[in-house]
């Protein structure tokens, strides 16, 4: 479980970094499937899925439920950290420090 938490926190930091440097907003201009999913959203989903896979892969062989649980915990932490960015952005003006932290983000 320690490994899943560590991987989830690293994935959350990666997603926050991708969001604050403007990659998600820049890639959101290009649709992968028209009016369904953009390249920016796909980037965020790919990070979360990869971190869940990594956490599941590094789980010692203790059964399939433990592997799924560790992948789930990792994914929840990645999404939770991104949610904290959204909440923090609504309370504090992040645009003073991070130019790409626009209300659109």
C-alpha atoms as a PDB file:
ATOM      1  CA  UNK A   1       0.000   0.000   0.000  1.00  0.00           C
ATOM      2  CA  UNK A   2       2.950   2.334   0.646  1.00  0.00           C
ATOM      3  CA  UNK A   3       4.041   1.870  -2.946  1.00  0.00           C
ATOM      4  CA  UNK A   4       0.558   2.742  -4.263  1.00  0.00           C
ATOM      5  CA  UNK A   5       0.432   5.912  -2.165  1.00  0.00           C
ATOM      6  CA  UNK A   6       3.887   6.987  -3.291  1.00  0.00           C
ATOM      7  CA  UNK A   7       3.112   6.342  -6.959  1.00  0.00           C
ATOM      8  CA  UNK A   8      -0.247   8.107  -6.651  1.00  0.00           C
ATOM      9  CA  UNK A   9       1.357  11.198  -5.141  1.00  0.00           C
ATOM     10  CA  UNK A  10       4.023  11.271  -7.856  1.00  0.00           C
ATOM     11  CA  UNK A  11       1.301  10.971 -10.511  1.00  0.00           C
ATOM     12  CA  UNK A  12      -0.650  13.796  -8.871  1.00  0.00           C
ATOM     13  CA  UNK A  13       2.394  16.041  -8.947  1.00  0.00           C
ATOM     14  CA  UNK A  14       2.934  15.180 -12.628  1.00  0.00           C
ATOM     15  CA  UNK A  15      -0.671  16.097 -13.479  1.00  0.00           C
ATOM     16  CA  UNK A  16      -0.456  19.357 -11.542  1.00  0.00           C
ATOM     17  CA  UNK A  17       2.781  20.200 -13.326  1.00  0.00           C
ATOM     18  CA  UNK A  18       1.276  19.428 -16.740  1.00  0.00           C
ATOM     19  CA  UNK A  19      -1.692  21.632 -15.895  1.00  0.00           C
ATOM     20  CA  UNK A  20       0.264  24.570 -14.512  1.00  0.00           C
ATOM     21  CA  UNK A  21       2.805  24.784 -17.326  1.00  0.00           C
ATOM     22  CA  UNK A  22      -0.049  24.962 -19.826  1.00  0.00           C
ATOM     23  CA  UNK A  23       0.226  21.675 -21.685  1.00  0.00           C
ATOM     24  CA  UNK A  24      -3.323  20.579 -20.868  1.00  0.00           C
ATOM     25  CA  UNK A  25      -4.809  23.874 -22.027  1.00  0.00           C
ATOM     26  CA  UNK A  26      -2.653  23.989 -25.165  1.00  0.00           C
ATOM     27  CA  UNK A  27      -3.531  20.409 -26.104  1.00  0.00           C
ATOM     28  CA  UNK A  28      -7.219  20.938 -25.398  1.00  0.00           C
ATOM     29  CA  UNK A  29      -7.488  22.848 -28.671  1.00  0.00           C
ATOM     30  CA  UNK A  30      -7.045  19.597 -30.611  1.00  0.00           C
ATOM     31  CA  UNK A  31      -9.816  16.986 -30.472  1.00  0.00           C
ATOM     32  CA  UNK A  32      -9.013  13.298 -30.681  1.00  0.00           C
ATOM     33  CA  UNK A  33     -12.698  12.407 -31.024  1.00  0.00           C
ATOM     34  CA  UNK A  34     -14.717  15.424 -32.177  1.00  0.00           C
ATOM     35  CA  UNK A  35     -16.718  17.002 -29.331  1.00  0.00           C
ATOM     36  CA  UNK A  36     -15.999  14.015 -27.045  1.00  0.00           C
ATOM     37  CA  UNK A  37     -12.398  14.080 -25.799  1.00  0.00           C
ATOM     38  CA  UNK A  38      -9.533  16.437 -26.438  1.00  0.00           C
ATOM     39  CA  UNK A  39      -5.837  15.731 -26.429  1.00  0.00           C
ATOM     40  CA  UNK A  40      -5.454  17.599 -23.113  1.00  0.00           C
ATOM     41  CA  UNK A  41      -7.992  15.375 -21.377  1.00  0.00           C
ATOM     42  CA  UNK A  42      -6.362  12.325 -22.917  1.00  0.00           C
ATOM     43  CA  UNK A  43      -3.026  13.432 -21.474  1.00  0.00           C
ATOM     44  CA  UNK A  44      -4.530  13.574 -17.967  1.00  0.00           C
ATOM     45  CA  UNK A  45      -6.258  10.213 -18.351  1.00  0.00           C
ATOM     46  CA  UNK A  46      -3.067   8.573 -19.651  1.00  0.00           C
ATOM     47  CA  UNK A  47      -1.076   9.762 -16.622  1.00  0.00           C
ATOM     48  CA  UNK A  48      -3.702   8.402 -14.222  1.00  0.00           C
ATOM     49  CA  UNK A  49      -3.926   5.064 -16.036  1.00  0.00           C
ATOM     50  CA  UNK A  50      -0.158   4.686 -16.221  1.00  0.00           C
ATOM     51  CA  UNK A  51       0.255   5.411 -12.510  1.00  0.00           C
ATOM     52  CA  UNK A  52      -2.486   2.902 -11.687  1.00  0.00           C
ATOM     53  CA  UNK A  53      -0.737   0.327 -13.854  1.00  0.00           C
ATOM     54  CA  UNK A  54       2.603   1.031 -12.205  1.00  0.00           C
ATOM     55  CA  UNK A  55       1.112   0.664  -8.724  1.00  0.00           C
ATOM     56  CA  UNK A  56      -0.584  -2.603  -9.694  1.00  0.00           C
ATOM     57  CA  UNK A  57       2.593  -3.934 -11.271  1.00  0.00           C
ATOM     58  CA  UNK A  58       4.690  -3.213  -8.185  1.00  0.00           C
ATOM     59  CA  UNK A  59       2.274  -4.962  -5.844  1.00  0.00           C
ATOM     60  CA  UNK A  60       3.754  -8.123  -4.346  1.00  0.00           C
ATOM     61  CA  UNK A  61       1.833 -11.227  -5.349  1.00  0.00           C
ATOM     62  CA  UNK A  62      -0.889 -11.264  -2.738  1.00  0.00           C
ATOM     63  CA  UNK A  63      -3.900 -11.880  -4.927  1.00  0.00           C
ATOM     64  CA  UNK A  64      -5.782 -10.058  -7.652  1.00  0.00           C
ATOM     65  CA  UNK A  65      -7.900  -8.010  -5.242  1.00  0.00           C
ATOM     66  CA  UNK A  66      -4.797  -6.492  -3.641  1.00  0.00           C
ATOM     67  CA  UNK A  67      -3.449  -5.588  -7.096  1.00  0.00           C
ATOM     68  CA  UNK A  68      -6.739  -3.908  -8.068  1.00  0.00           C
ATOM     69  CA  UNK A  69      -6.936  -2.120  -4.732  1.00  0.00           C
ATOM     70  CA  UNK A  70      -3.434  -0.670  -5.074  1.00  0.00           C
ATOM     71  CA  UNK A  71      -4.154   0.504  -8.622  1.00  0.00           C
ATOM     72  CA  UNK A  72      -7.412   2.066  -7.438  1.00  0.00           C
ATOM     73  CA  UNK A  73      -5.713   3.852  -4.509  1.00  0.00           C
ATOM     74  CA  UNK A  74      -3.079   5.245  -6.846  1.00  0.00           C
ATOM     75  CA  UNK A  75      -5.707   6.526  -9.286  1.00  0.00           C
ATOM     76  CA  UNK A  76      -7.760   8.112  -6.499  1.00  0.00           C
ATOM     77  CA  UNK A  77      -4.703   9.968  -5.229  1.00  0.00           C
ATOM     78  CA  UNK A  78      -3.864  11.253  -8.712  1.00  0.00           C
ATOM     79  CA  UNK A  79      -7.414  12.519  -9.192  1.00  0.00           C
ATOM     80  CA  UNK A  80      -7.575  13.885  -5.658  1.00  0.00           C
ATOM     81  CA  UNK A  81      -4.479  15.984  -6.130  1.00  0.00           C
ATOM     82  CA  UNK A  82      -5.884  17.408  -9.352  1.00  0.00           C
ATOM     83  CA  UNK A  83      -9.118  18.197  -7.511  1.00  0.00           C
ATOM     84  CA  UNK A  84      -7.075  19.997  -4.851  1.00  0.00           C
ATOM     85  CA  UNK A  85      -5.530  22.124  -7.600  1.00  0.00           C
ATOM     86  CA  UNK A  86      -8.999  23.100  -8.822  1.00  0.00           C
ATOM     87  CA  UNK A  87     -10.155  23.941  -5.287  1.00  0.00           C
ATOM     88  CA  UNK A  88      -6.987  25.903  -4.561  1.00  0.00           C
ATOM     89  CA  UNK A  89      -7.350  27.770  -7.853  1.00  0.00           C
ATOM     90  CA  UNK A  90     -10.859  28.852  -6.940  1.00  0.00           C
ATOM     91  CA  UNK A  91      -9.729  30.155  -3.530  1.00  0.00           C
ATOM     92  CA  UNK A  92      -6.369  31.693  -4.430  1.00  0.00           C
ATOM     93  CA  UNK A  93      -5.358  33.608  -7.537  1.00  0.00           C
ATOM     94  CA  UNK A  94      -2.704  31.248  -8.901  1.00  0.00           C
ATOM     95  CA  UNK A  95      -2.338  33.339 -12.043  1.00  0.00           C
ATOM     96  CA  UNK A  96      -0.012  35.766 -10.218  1.00  0.00           C
ATOM     97  CA  UNK A  97       2.609  33.031 -10.003  1.00  0.00           C
ATOM     98  CA  UNK A  98       1.618  30.641 -12.801  1.00  0.00           C
ATOM     99  CA  UNK A  99       0.693  32.514 -15.979  1.00  0.00           C
ATOM    100  CA  UNK A 100      -1.020  29.483 -17.508  1.00  0.00           C
ATOM    101  CA  UNK A 101      -3.308  28.970 -14.490  1.00  0.00           C
ATOM    102  CA  UNK A 102      -6.264  30.549 -16.244  1.00  0.00           C
ATOM    103  CA  UNK A 103      -9.907  30.221 -15.222  1.00  0.00           C
ATOM    104  CA  UNK A 104     -10.334  27.961 -18.265  1.00  0.00           C
ATOM    105  CA  UNK A 105      -7.940  25.471 -16.688  1.00  0.00           C
END
